[in-house]
N, C-alpha and C. Protein backbone atom coordinates (compact mmCIF):
# COMPACT_ATOMS: atom_id res chain seq x y z
N MET A 1 79.65 92.78 109.50
CA MET A 1 78.16 93.21 109.00
C MET A 1 77.46 92.06 109.31
N GLU A 2 76.10 92.32 109.65
CA GLU A 2 75.17 91.13 109.84
C GLU A 2 74.56 90.70 108.50
N SER A 3 74.46 89.45 108.29
CA SER A 3 73.85 89.07 106.85
C SER A 3 72.27 89.26 107.05
N GLN A 4 71.81 89.22 105.94
CA GLN A 4 70.20 89.44 105.77
C GLN A 4 69.39 88.33 106.78
N SER A 5 70.10 87.06 106.71
CA SER A 5 69.30 86.16 107.58
C SER A 5 69.54 86.43 109.13
N GLN A 6 70.70 87.15 109.49
CA GLN A 6 70.71 87.60 110.83
C GLN A 6 69.97 88.58 111.24
N LEU A 7 69.67 89.63 110.23
CA LEU A 7 68.68 90.71 110.45
C LEU A 7 67.22 90.15 110.63
N SER A 8 67.17 89.06 109.96
CA SER A 8 65.58 88.57 110.03
C SER A 8 65.26 87.99 111.38
N SER A 9 66.31 87.66 112.18
CA SER A 9 66.11 87.16 113.43
C SER A 9 65.81 88.17 114.40
N LEU A 10 65.88 89.44 114.24
CA LEU A 10 65.70 90.62 115.10
C LEU A 10 64.24 90.99 114.84
N SER A 11 63.66 91.50 115.87
CA SER A 11 62.43 91.87 115.84
C SER A 11 62.16 93.12 115.05
N THR A 12 60.98 93.64 114.70
CA THR A 12 60.67 94.64 113.91
C THR A 12 61.26 96.09 114.79
N ASP A 13 60.76 95.81 115.91
CA ASP A 13 61.22 97.05 117.08
C ASP A 13 62.66 97.25 116.90
N GLU A 14 63.64 96.17 117.06
CA GLU A 14 64.84 96.08 117.06
C GLU A 14 65.59 96.62 115.77
N LEU A 15 64.92 96.37 114.67
CA LEU A 15 65.29 96.68 113.33
C LEU A 15 65.20 98.37 113.41
N LYS A 16 64.14 98.90 113.68
CA LYS A 16 63.79 100.30 113.65
C LYS A 16 64.77 100.98 114.51
N ARG A 17 65.11 100.51 115.62
CA ARG A 17 66.11 100.97 116.30
C ARG A 17 67.37 101.20 115.88
N GLU A 18 67.77 100.24 115.31
CA GLU A 18 69.20 100.09 114.60
C GLU A 18 69.06 100.76 113.41
N LEU A 19 67.99 100.89 112.68
CA LEU A 19 68.14 101.92 111.40
C LEU A 19 68.09 103.27 111.91
N THR A 20 67.42 103.77 113.05
CA THR A 20 67.37 105.12 113.51
C THR A 20 69.06 105.51 113.88
N LYS A 21 69.45 104.40 114.68
CA LYS A 21 71.12 104.77 114.95
C LYS A 21 71.84 104.89 113.89
N CYS A 22 71.74 103.94 112.74
CA CYS A 22 72.66 103.89 111.54
C CYS A 22 72.38 105.18 111.00
N GLU A 23 71.33 105.56 110.89
CA GLU A 23 70.94 106.96 110.02
C GLU A 23 71.60 108.16 110.79
N GLU A 24 71.50 108.04 112.03
CA GLU A 24 72.03 109.08 112.82
C GLU A 24 73.72 109.23 112.71
N GLN A 25 74.32 108.08 112.82
CA GLN A 25 75.79 107.94 112.42
C GLN A 25 76.12 108.60 111.04
N LEU A 26 75.19 108.07 110.26
CA LEU A 26 75.48 108.65 108.75
C LEU A 26 75.44 110.02 108.78
N LYS A 27 74.38 110.76 109.44
CA LYS A 27 74.23 112.02 109.41
C LYS A 27 75.45 112.76 110.13
N ASN A 28 75.93 112.29 111.21
CA ASN A 28 77.09 112.64 111.91
C ASN A 28 78.33 112.65 111.19
N LEU A 29 78.46 111.67 110.30
CA LEU A 29 79.81 111.47 109.62
C LEU A 29 79.81 112.33 108.29
N LEU A 30 78.36 112.56 107.85
CA LEU A 30 78.46 113.59 106.69
C LEU A 30 78.79 115.07 107.25
N LYS A 31 78.53 115.35 108.40
CA LYS A 31 78.63 116.64 109.14
C LYS A 31 80.13 116.81 109.25
N VAL A 32 80.89 115.75 109.50
CA VAL A 32 82.34 115.78 109.74
C VAL A 32 83.14 115.62 108.52
N PHE A 33 82.44 114.93 107.62
CA PHE A 33 83.35 114.84 106.20
C PHE A 33 82.30 115.20 105.13
N PRO A 34 82.01 116.42 104.86
CA PRO A 34 80.69 116.68 103.95
C PRO A 34 81.42 116.40 102.41
N HIS A 35 82.48 116.18 102.25
CA HIS A 35 82.99 116.04 100.83
C HIS A 35 82.67 114.36 100.48
N LEU A 36 82.02 113.49 101.50
CA LEU A 36 81.92 112.27 101.19
C LEU A 36 80.38 112.40 100.44
N ALA A 37 79.57 113.39 100.47
CA ALA A 37 78.38 113.36 99.74
C ALA A 37 78.46 113.90 98.34
N GLY A 38 79.69 114.26 97.96
CA GLY A 38 80.07 114.76 96.67
C GLY A 38 79.74 113.89 95.52
N PRO A 39 79.90 114.49 94.31
CA PRO A 39 79.53 113.47 93.09
C PRO A 39 80.42 112.50 92.90
N ASP A 40 81.69 112.42 93.43
CA ASP A 40 82.77 111.30 93.30
C ASP A 40 82.88 110.49 94.49
N THR A 41 81.64 110.21 95.20
CA THR A 41 81.55 109.24 96.22
C THR A 41 82.06 107.96 96.00
N ARG A 42 81.54 107.63 95.12
CA ARG A 42 82.05 106.06 94.47
C ARG A 42 82.98 106.14 93.76
N SER A 43 83.97 107.23 93.52
CA SER A 43 85.25 106.86 92.72
C SER A 43 86.31 106.16 93.55
N LEU A 44 86.91 105.21 92.93
CA LEU A 44 88.01 104.67 93.82
C LEU A 44 89.15 105.39 94.10
N THR A 45 89.49 106.28 93.01
CA THR A 45 90.63 107.27 93.23
C THR A 45 90.22 108.13 94.58
N ALA A 46 88.86 108.63 94.35
CA ALA A 46 88.57 109.51 95.65
C ALA A 46 88.51 108.93 97.13
N GLN A 47 88.23 107.56 97.01
CA GLN A 47 88.32 106.80 98.19
C GLN A 47 89.77 106.43 98.64
N TYR A 48 90.63 106.43 97.64
CA TYR A 48 92.06 106.17 98.28
C TYR A 48 92.74 107.43 98.77
N VAL A 49 92.37 108.50 98.08
CA VAL A 49 92.89 109.77 98.40
C VAL A 49 92.20 110.12 99.82
N GLY A 50 90.91 109.85 99.90
CA GLY A 50 90.12 110.30 100.88
C GLY A 50 90.66 109.84 102.40
N GLY A 51 91.00 108.48 102.47
CA GLY A 51 91.33 108.12 103.73
C GLY A 51 90.25 107.28 104.36
N ASP A 52 90.42 106.91 105.63
CA ASP A 52 89.64 105.91 106.25
C ASP A 52 88.10 106.28 106.37
N GLU A 53 87.71 107.65 106.25
CA GLU A 53 86.26 107.88 106.29
C GLU A 53 85.60 107.09 104.95
N TRP A 54 86.18 107.02 103.96
CA TRP A 54 85.71 106.17 102.86
C TRP A 54 85.58 104.90 103.20
N GLU A 55 86.28 104.31 103.78
CA GLU A 55 86.07 102.90 104.12
C GLU A 55 85.09 102.67 104.96
N ALA A 56 84.88 103.52 106.10
CA ALA A 56 83.68 103.74 107.01
C ALA A 56 82.48 103.81 106.00
N LEU A 57 82.47 104.96 105.22
CA LEU A 57 81.42 105.13 104.42
C LEU A 57 80.86 103.86 103.51
N ALA A 58 81.69 103.11 103.05
CA ALA A 58 81.46 102.03 102.32
C ALA A 58 80.99 100.89 103.19
N ASN A 59 81.53 100.67 104.55
CA ASN A 59 80.81 99.72 105.22
C ASN A 59 79.37 100.05 105.84
N LEU A 60 79.05 101.35 105.82
CA LEU A 60 77.82 101.79 106.40
C LEU A 60 76.54 101.77 105.63
N GLN A 61 76.82 102.24 104.60
CA GLN A 61 75.67 102.25 103.72
C GLN A 61 74.85 101.02 103.40
N PRO A 62 75.83 99.82 103.19
CA PRO A 62 75.13 98.52 102.94
C PRO A 62 74.07 98.19 104.03
N ARG A 63 74.64 98.49 105.31
CA ARG A 63 73.96 98.11 106.51
C ARG A 63 72.39 98.60 106.44
N ILE A 64 72.36 99.97 106.32
CA ILE A 64 71.19 100.84 106.19
C ILE A 64 70.18 100.15 105.17
N THR A 65 70.78 99.88 104.14
CA THR A 65 70.05 99.43 102.86
C THR A 65 69.48 97.95 103.15
N ASP A 66 70.43 97.31 103.78
CA ASP A 66 69.85 95.66 104.32
C ASP A 66 68.78 95.86 105.35
N ILE A 67 68.83 96.87 106.11
CA ILE A 67 67.83 96.86 107.25
C ILE A 67 66.58 97.29 106.72
N LYS A 68 66.54 98.51 105.61
CA LYS A 68 65.33 98.67 105.19
C LYS A 68 64.73 97.51 104.10
N LEU A 69 65.58 96.79 103.50
CA LEU A 69 64.98 95.99 102.82
C LEU A 69 64.34 94.65 103.51
N GLU A 70 64.83 94.52 104.78
CA GLU A 70 64.22 93.56 105.53
C GLU A 70 63.08 94.26 105.99
N LEU A 71 62.73 95.58 106.56
CA LEU A 71 61.66 96.11 106.93
C LEU A 71 60.71 96.04 105.97
N CYS A 72 60.95 96.18 104.54
CA CYS A 72 60.17 96.15 103.53
C CYS A 72 59.71 94.90 103.32
N ARG A 73 60.50 93.78 103.55
CA ARG A 73 60.16 92.42 103.38
C ARG A 73 58.72 92.21 104.30
N ARG A 74 59.06 92.93 105.57
CA ARG A 74 57.81 92.75 106.61
C ARG A 74 56.76 93.57 106.19
N GLY A 75 56.65 94.18 105.16
CA GLY A 75 55.59 95.04 105.03
C GLY A 75 55.47 96.35 105.82
N VAL A 76 56.43 96.78 106.48
CA VAL A 76 56.26 97.84 107.36
C VAL A 76 57.05 99.25 106.71
N LEU A 77 57.46 98.97 105.50
CA LEU A 77 58.34 100.16 104.94
C LEU A 77 57.67 101.41 105.04
N PRO A 78 56.26 101.48 104.76
CA PRO A 78 56.02 102.95 104.93
C PRO A 78 55.77 103.59 106.26
N GLU A 79 55.86 102.82 107.15
CA GLU A 79 56.17 103.37 108.67
C GLU A 79 57.50 103.70 108.83
N VAL A 80 58.52 102.95 108.28
CA VAL A 80 59.83 103.16 108.25
C VAL A 80 60.22 104.44 107.42
N ALA A 81 59.59 104.68 106.51
CA ALA A 81 60.01 105.76 105.49
C ALA A 81 59.32 107.12 106.34
N LYS A 82 58.24 106.80 106.96
CA LYS A 82 57.92 107.98 107.78
C LYS A 82 58.87 108.37 108.75
N ALA A 83 59.33 107.36 109.56
CA ALA A 83 59.99 107.65 110.83
C ALA A 83 61.44 108.25 110.32
N SER A 84 61.92 107.85 109.27
CA SER A 84 63.15 108.37 108.68
C SER A 84 63.05 109.30 107.92
N GLN A 85 62.02 109.87 107.57
CA GLN A 85 61.72 111.00 106.54
C GLN A 85 62.27 110.66 105.07
N GLN A 86 62.13 109.45 104.73
CA GLN A 86 62.54 109.01 103.53
C GLN A 86 61.53 108.36 102.85
N SER A 87 61.66 108.55 101.43
CA SER A 87 60.56 107.87 100.57
C SER A 87 61.03 106.82 100.05
N VAL A 88 60.18 105.86 99.26
CA VAL A 88 60.78 104.67 98.56
C VAL A 88 61.75 104.92 97.43
N GLN A 89 61.56 106.00 97.06
CA GLN A 89 62.63 106.53 96.10
C GLN A 89 63.93 106.66 96.64
N GLY A 90 63.88 107.13 97.95
CA GLY A 90 65.23 107.20 98.49
C GLY A 90 65.83 105.85 98.78
N LEU A 91 65.03 105.09 99.24
CA LEU A 91 65.47 103.64 99.55
C LEU A 91 66.35 103.07 98.42
N LYS A 92 65.55 103.26 96.87
CA LYS A 92 66.20 102.72 95.96
C LYS A 92 67.28 103.32 95.42
N ALA A 93 67.61 104.67 95.62
CA ALA A 93 68.49 105.30 95.35
C ALA A 93 69.76 104.99 96.20
N GLU A 94 69.53 104.91 97.44
CA GLU A 94 70.59 104.30 98.34
C GLU A 94 71.24 102.79 98.01
N SER A 95 70.22 102.09 97.69
CA SER A 95 70.55 100.57 97.20
C SER A 95 71.35 100.73 96.04
N ALA A 96 70.95 101.56 95.15
CA ALA A 96 71.73 101.56 93.95
C ALA A 96 73.22 102.27 94.00
N ALA A 97 73.25 103.21 94.88
CA ALA A 97 74.43 103.71 94.97
C ALA A 97 75.61 103.15 96.17
N GLY A 98 74.79 102.10 96.83
CA GLY A 98 75.72 101.23 97.70
C GLY A 98 75.72 102.03 98.93
N SER A 99 75.46 101.09 99.94
CA SER A 99 75.32 101.89 101.46
C SER A 99 76.77 101.87 102.09
N VAL A 100 77.26 103.03 102.43
CA VAL A 100 78.30 103.12 102.70
C VAL A 100 78.47 103.94 104.29
N GLU A 101 77.59 104.68 104.69
CA GLU A 101 78.02 105.51 105.66
C GLU A 101 77.71 105.30 107.19
N THR A 102 76.84 104.37 107.65
CA THR A 102 76.79 104.07 109.08
C THR A 102 78.03 103.38 109.71
N LYS A 103 78.68 102.66 108.98
CA LYS A 103 79.79 101.67 109.55
C LYS A 103 80.90 102.75 109.80
N ALA A 104 81.08 103.73 109.30
CA ALA A 104 82.16 104.73 109.34
C ALA A 104 82.00 105.29 110.92
N ALA A 105 80.77 105.65 111.39
CA ALA A 105 80.43 106.09 112.63
C ALA A 105 80.94 104.98 113.63
N GLN A 106 80.39 103.77 113.29
CA GLN A 106 80.65 102.63 114.13
C GLN A 106 82.08 102.22 114.39
N LYS A 107 82.72 102.44 113.24
CA LYS A 107 84.13 101.94 113.21
C LYS A 107 85.21 103.02 113.76
N PHE A 108 84.74 104.26 113.49
CA PHE A 108 85.41 105.34 113.75
C PHE A 108 84.64 106.47 114.53
N PRO A 109 84.28 106.22 115.64
CA PRO A 109 83.43 107.04 116.46
C PRO A 109 84.03 108.42 116.81
N GLN A 110 85.52 108.27 117.13
CA GLN A 110 86.28 109.42 117.49
C GLN A 110 86.24 110.74 116.41
N GLN A 111 85.95 110.05 115.05
CA GLN A 111 86.11 111.09 114.01
C GLN A 111 84.87 111.56 113.88
N VAL A 112 83.61 110.98 114.19
CA VAL A 112 82.43 111.53 114.20
C VAL A 112 81.93 112.81 115.21
N HIS A 113 82.34 112.11 116.57
CA HIS A 113 82.03 112.81 117.78
C HIS A 113 83.03 113.65 118.06
N SER A 114 84.35 113.80 117.87
CA SER A 114 85.31 114.43 118.78
C SER A 114 86.39 114.83 117.67
N ALA A 115 86.32 115.92 117.08
CA ALA A 115 87.30 116.39 116.07
C ALA A 115 88.69 116.39 116.73
N PRO A 116 88.97 116.82 117.87
CA PRO A 116 90.45 116.83 118.27
C PRO A 116 90.92 115.52 118.31
N ASP A 117 90.11 114.36 118.26
CA ASP A 117 90.69 113.23 118.52
C ASP A 117 90.73 112.29 117.19
N GLN A 118 90.55 113.11 116.10
CA GLN A 118 90.71 112.60 114.76
C GLN A 118 92.09 111.79 114.38
N LYS A 119 91.89 110.80 113.60
CA LYS A 119 93.17 110.19 113.29
C LYS A 119 93.81 111.10 112.27
N PRO A 120 95.23 111.14 111.97
CA PRO A 120 95.97 111.97 111.27
C PRO A 120 95.21 111.99 109.80
N SER A 121 95.33 112.91 109.08
CA SER A 121 94.72 113.06 107.86
C SER A 121 95.53 112.18 106.80
N ARG A 122 94.95 111.74 105.63
CA ARG A 122 95.88 111.22 104.69
C ARG A 122 96.91 111.86 104.33
N PRO A 123 97.13 113.21 103.94
CA PRO A 123 98.25 113.72 103.71
C PRO A 123 99.21 113.77 104.72
N VAL A 124 98.67 113.91 105.84
CA VAL A 124 99.91 113.64 106.95
C VAL A 124 100.50 112.47 107.00
N GLU A 125 99.58 111.25 107.01
CA GLU A 125 100.11 109.99 106.84
C GLU A 125 101.09 109.67 105.75
N ARG A 126 100.79 110.30 104.50
CA ARG A 126 101.69 110.03 103.45
C ARG A 126 102.99 111.08 103.52
N GLY A 127 102.81 112.12 104.26
CA GLY A 127 103.78 113.07 104.39
C GLY A 127 104.92 112.21 105.44
N LYS A 128 104.37 111.54 106.33
CA LYS A 128 105.30 111.03 107.19
C LYS A 128 106.03 109.80 106.39
N PHE A 129 105.58 108.92 105.74
CA PHE A 129 106.24 108.10 104.76
C PHE A 129 107.24 108.64 103.97
N CYS A 130 106.66 109.62 103.16
CA CYS A 130 107.50 110.42 102.28
C CYS A 130 108.88 111.06 102.83
N ASP A 131 108.55 111.46 104.28
CA ASP A 131 109.65 112.17 104.92
C ASP A 131 110.91 111.03 105.26
N GLN A 132 110.27 109.79 105.61
CA GLN A 132 111.17 108.69 106.12
C GLN A 132 111.88 108.38 104.77
N VAL A 133 111.27 108.07 103.59
CA VAL A 133 111.89 107.82 102.34
C VAL A 133 113.16 108.84 101.98
N ILE A 134 112.67 110.11 102.09
CA ILE A 134 113.61 111.12 101.64
C ILE A 134 114.91 111.03 102.65
N GLU A 135 114.71 110.82 103.83
CA GLU A 135 115.84 110.61 104.84
C GLU A 135 116.79 109.42 104.51
N GLU A 136 115.93 108.18 104.03
CA GLU A 136 116.40 107.20 103.74
C GLU A 136 117.50 107.12 102.32
N ILE A 137 116.89 108.03 101.55
CA ILE A 137 117.60 108.22 100.20
C ILE A 137 119.15 109.20 100.62
N ARG A 138 118.97 110.06 101.49
CA ARG A 138 120.00 110.81 101.82
C ARG A 138 121.05 110.09 102.63
N ARG A 139 120.46 109.04 103.34
CA ARG A 139 121.32 107.99 103.92
C ARG A 139 122.36 107.28 103.04
N ILE A 140 121.44 106.52 101.99
CA ILE A 140 121.99 105.80 101.14
C ILE A 140 123.17 106.60 100.05
N LYS A 141 122.73 107.54 99.87
CA LYS A 141 123.62 108.52 99.00
C LYS A 141 124.75 108.84 99.75
N ASN A 142 124.97 109.28 101.08
CA ASN A 142 126.01 109.54 102.02
C ASN A 142 126.96 108.10 101.91
N LEU A 143 126.19 106.93 102.45
CA LEU A 143 126.99 105.91 102.57
C LEU A 143 127.65 105.47 101.31
N ALA A 144 127.04 105.62 100.25
CA ALA A 144 127.61 105.27 98.97
C ALA A 144 128.86 105.94 98.48
N ALA A 145 128.57 107.47 98.62
CA ALA A 145 129.67 108.35 98.38
C ALA A 145 130.68 108.32 99.37
N GLY A 146 130.38 107.93 100.53
CA GLY A 146 131.60 108.22 101.78
C GLY A 146 132.27 106.84 101.97
N THR A 147 131.67 105.72 101.91
CA THR A 147 132.37 104.23 102.11
C THR A 147 132.59 103.54 100.79
N GLY A 148 132.01 103.82 99.69
CA GLY A 148 132.06 103.11 98.48
C GLY A 148 131.16 102.08 98.57
N ARG A 149 130.14 101.74 99.41
CA ARG A 149 129.21 100.68 99.36
C ARG A 149 128.31 100.74 98.23
N SER A 150 128.01 99.42 97.62
CA SER A 150 126.92 99.37 96.61
C SER A 150 125.60 99.42 97.34
N VAL A 151 124.67 99.63 96.48
CA VAL A 151 123.18 99.61 96.96
C VAL A 151 122.69 98.45 97.27
N ALA A 152 123.40 97.34 96.90
CA ALA A 152 122.90 96.01 97.32
C ALA A 152 123.58 95.74 98.75
N GLU A 153 124.76 96.35 99.01
CA GLU A 153 125.33 96.03 100.20
C GLU A 153 124.67 97.09 101.21
N ILE A 154 124.10 98.09 100.98
CA ILE A 154 123.49 98.89 101.89
C ILE A 154 122.02 98.35 102.20
N GLU A 155 121.60 97.78 101.14
CA GLU A 155 120.08 97.14 101.43
C GLU A 155 120.34 95.83 102.34
N LYS A 156 121.43 95.37 102.06
CA LYS A 156 121.73 94.10 103.08
C LYS A 156 121.82 94.48 104.64
N GLU A 157 122.53 95.76 104.73
CA GLU A 157 122.73 96.28 106.06
C GLU A 157 121.51 96.98 106.58
N ASN A 158 120.58 97.27 105.73
CA ASN A 158 119.51 98.01 106.14
C ASN A 158 118.22 97.62 105.57
N PRO A 159 117.62 96.16 105.97
CA PRO A 159 116.58 95.68 105.23
C PRO A 159 115.37 96.34 105.59
N ALA A 160 115.17 97.11 106.73
CA ALA A 160 114.00 97.77 107.02
C ALA A 160 113.65 98.91 106.42
N PHE A 161 114.48 99.38 105.58
CA PHE A 161 114.18 100.81 104.75
C PHE A 161 112.94 100.80 104.05
N ALA A 162 112.03 101.57 104.26
CA ALA A 162 110.90 101.72 103.32
C ALA A 162 111.10 101.95 101.96
N VAL A 163 112.42 102.49 101.70
CA VAL A 163 112.56 103.22 100.27
C VAL A 163 112.61 101.63 99.18
N TRP A 164 113.10 100.64 99.79
CA TRP A 164 113.24 99.43 99.00
C TRP A 164 112.07 99.07 98.29
N SER A 165 110.78 99.34 99.00
CA SER A 165 109.63 98.99 98.43
C SER A 165 109.22 99.91 97.41
N ILE A 166 109.74 101.25 97.42
CA ILE A 166 109.60 102.19 96.48
C ILE A 166 110.21 101.58 95.20
N ARG A 167 111.46 101.13 95.48
CA ARG A 167 112.37 101.01 94.20
C ARG A 167 111.51 99.59 93.25
N ARG A 168 110.93 98.69 93.89
CA ARG A 168 110.22 97.69 93.50
C ARG A 168 109.06 98.15 92.44
N THR A 169 108.50 99.40 92.85
CA THR A 169 107.67 99.63 91.85
C THR A 169 107.99 100.46 90.75
N LEU A 170 109.30 100.82 90.45
CA LEU A 170 109.80 101.84 89.45
C LEU A 170 109.98 100.77 88.34
N ALA A 171 109.77 101.67 87.24
CA ALA A 171 110.11 100.94 85.88
C ALA A 171 111.78 100.41 85.93
N LEU A 172 112.02 99.54 85.14
CA LEU A 172 113.47 98.91 84.95
C LEU A 172 114.31 100.02 84.82
N GLU A 173 114.27 100.86 83.97
CA GLU A 173 115.23 101.90 83.71
C GLU A 173 115.54 102.70 85.10
N ASP A 174 114.36 103.00 85.81
CA ASP A 174 114.30 103.78 86.81
C ASP A 174 115.12 103.04 88.06
N GLN A 175 114.79 101.67 88.03
CA GLN A 175 115.35 100.74 89.08
C GLN A 175 117.06 100.77 88.82
N GLU A 176 117.42 100.63 87.68
CA GLU A 176 118.81 100.72 87.20
C GLU A 176 119.50 102.06 87.65
N THR A 177 118.76 103.05 87.69
CA THR A 177 119.38 104.25 88.01
C THR A 177 119.31 104.54 89.41
N PHE A 178 118.45 104.05 90.17
CA PHE A 178 118.26 103.70 91.61
C PHE A 178 119.69 103.09 92.34
N ASN A 179 119.89 101.91 91.53
CA ASN A 179 121.26 101.07 91.85
C ASN A 179 122.54 102.10 91.66
N HIS A 180 122.57 103.13 91.27
CA HIS A 180 123.80 104.12 90.97
C HIS A 180 123.43 105.27 91.58
N PRO A 181 123.55 105.53 92.89
CA PRO A 181 123.27 106.88 93.52
C PRO A 181 124.28 108.02 93.09
N ASN A 182 125.45 107.76 92.49
CA ASN A 182 126.02 108.90 91.68
C ASN A 182 125.26 109.61 90.58
N GLN A 183 124.25 108.84 90.00
CA GLN A 183 123.49 109.38 88.94
C GLN A 183 122.24 110.14 89.52
N TRP A 184 122.01 110.07 90.62
CA TRP A 184 120.82 110.89 91.22
C TRP A 184 120.59 112.18 91.22
N GLY A 185 121.79 112.99 91.61
CA GLY A 185 121.74 114.44 91.66
C GLY A 185 121.47 114.63 93.00
N PRO A 186 120.84 115.75 93.50
CA PRO A 186 120.64 116.09 94.81
C PRO A 186 119.57 115.18 95.35
N PRO A 187 119.88 114.39 96.52
CA PRO A 187 119.25 113.38 96.96
C PRO A 187 117.61 113.84 97.37
N VAL A 188 117.55 114.82 97.92
CA VAL A 188 116.16 115.31 98.26
C VAL A 188 115.14 115.49 96.98
N GLY A 189 115.77 115.93 95.97
CA GLY A 189 114.83 115.92 94.56
C GLY A 189 114.80 114.79 94.05
N TYR A 190 115.74 113.90 94.00
CA TYR A 190 115.68 112.37 93.39
C TYR A 190 114.49 111.82 94.49
N ALA A 191 114.67 111.79 95.72
CA ALA A 191 113.56 111.10 96.49
C ALA A 191 112.08 111.29 95.95
N LYS A 192 112.02 112.82 95.75
CA LYS A 192 110.53 113.40 95.58
C LYS A 192 110.24 112.88 94.00
N MET A 193 111.03 112.93 93.36
CA MET A 193 110.87 112.22 91.92
C MET A 193 110.33 111.02 92.08
N ILE A 194 110.89 110.10 92.66
CA ILE A 194 110.76 108.55 92.59
C ILE A 194 109.30 108.49 93.47
N LEU A 195 109.36 109.34 94.38
CA LEU A 195 107.97 109.16 95.21
C LEU A 195 106.80 109.72 94.23
N SER A 196 106.93 110.81 93.64
CA SER A 196 105.96 111.31 92.71
C SER A 196 105.53 110.29 91.60
N LYS A 197 106.38 109.42 91.23
CA LYS A 197 106.03 108.50 90.41
C LYS A 197 105.35 107.15 90.91
N THR A 198 105.78 106.94 92.17
CA THR A 198 104.96 105.57 92.82
C THR A 198 103.55 106.07 93.28
N HIS A 199 103.32 107.47 93.62
CA HIS A 199 101.99 107.87 93.95
C HIS A 199 101.14 108.54 92.92
N ASP A 200 101.92 108.73 91.79
CA ASP A 200 101.37 109.41 90.68
C ASP A 200 100.85 110.74 90.98
N VAL A 201 101.42 111.61 91.55
CA VAL A 201 101.35 112.99 91.87
C VAL A 201 102.29 113.96 91.58
N SER A 202 102.41 114.98 91.56
CA SER A 202 103.44 115.98 91.13
C SER A 202 104.43 116.00 92.59
N LYS A 203 105.83 116.31 92.06
CA LYS A 203 106.79 116.71 93.25
C LYS A 203 106.15 117.69 94.20
N ASP A 204 105.50 118.76 93.76
CA ASP A 204 104.94 119.67 94.30
C ASP A 204 104.11 119.04 95.62
N THR A 205 103.08 118.31 95.34
CA THR A 205 102.35 117.52 96.13
C THR A 205 103.05 116.72 97.16
N ILE A 206 104.21 116.20 96.61
CA ILE A 206 104.86 115.22 97.77
C ILE A 206 105.28 116.24 98.74
N THR A 207 105.91 117.61 98.20
CA THR A 207 106.56 118.45 99.17
C THR A 207 105.41 118.80 100.13
N SER A 208 104.21 119.30 99.76
CA SER A 208 103.08 119.47 100.76
C SER A 208 102.65 118.41 101.67
N TRP A 209 102.71 117.14 101.19
CA TRP A 209 102.35 116.27 102.24
C TRP A 209 103.54 116.13 103.29
N VAL A 210 105.04 116.31 102.94
CA VAL A 210 105.83 116.44 103.88
C VAL A 210 105.74 117.52 104.82
N LYS A 211 105.42 118.83 104.36
CA LYS A 211 105.24 119.92 105.29
C LYS A 211 104.11 119.59 106.03
N ALA A 212 102.97 118.91 105.59
CA ALA A 212 101.66 118.72 106.72
C ALA A 212 102.26 117.74 107.75
N TRP A 213 103.13 116.68 107.35
CA TRP A 213 103.47 115.97 108.49
C TRP A 213 104.49 116.57 109.41
N ARG A 214 105.26 117.44 108.76
CA ARG A 214 106.22 118.18 109.68
C ARG A 214 105.50 119.15 110.39
N ARG A 215 104.63 119.90 110.04
CA ARG A 215 104.01 120.71 110.74
C ARG A 215 102.96 120.00 112.03
N GLN A 216 102.58 118.84 111.84
CA GLN A 216 102.07 118.19 112.98
C GLN A 216 103.03 117.73 113.84
N ARG A 217 104.21 117.24 113.33
CA ARG A 217 105.14 116.78 114.24
C ARG A 217 105.85 117.60 115.25
N GLY A 218 105.80 118.88 114.53
CA GLY A 218 106.27 120.08 115.47
C GLY A 218 107.69 120.08 115.64
């Protein structure tokens, strides 16, 4: 993002053109992701669950506000407000809320202009990770039961497993259970249980993510 000093080097006409472009990108972004305009727009949890469009929104809004503030400083805000069909109150509201939306369209143009080319949704991305962890838990359980290897030995032989990062986030008691696969019970159920703790969601949600990933994978 350009700083205010960089914006000040642009001509008024250049700033107007940039503002029009950014507001159009914001409009397109909200068409594709209407939930961004909801009451929880600035919720950190909502941004985490929502996916890349939230990051794009967070990068876009400040740029719109900075451009408007620079135009206001030059005394041409009334003209800008007329051109963009926004009042001074609208500018203050955007500034207070945080300017988030135009960068999204700049950073993720394929999400705004071409729905078929959208990136995988957050549930699909999480489902892919959860599916991988489930398969790794199955493999660990089979290796421990079939060969007598300890979890430490399996980790040494398979350092790239994603499940090791999950284990580090568990409570000490749960980590101790993790180190004894004979205490897990059915591996798929155990995998969903630890994933639900890590993501702070229900096991049903983990199941829905995995199904979303498998549907897309085909």
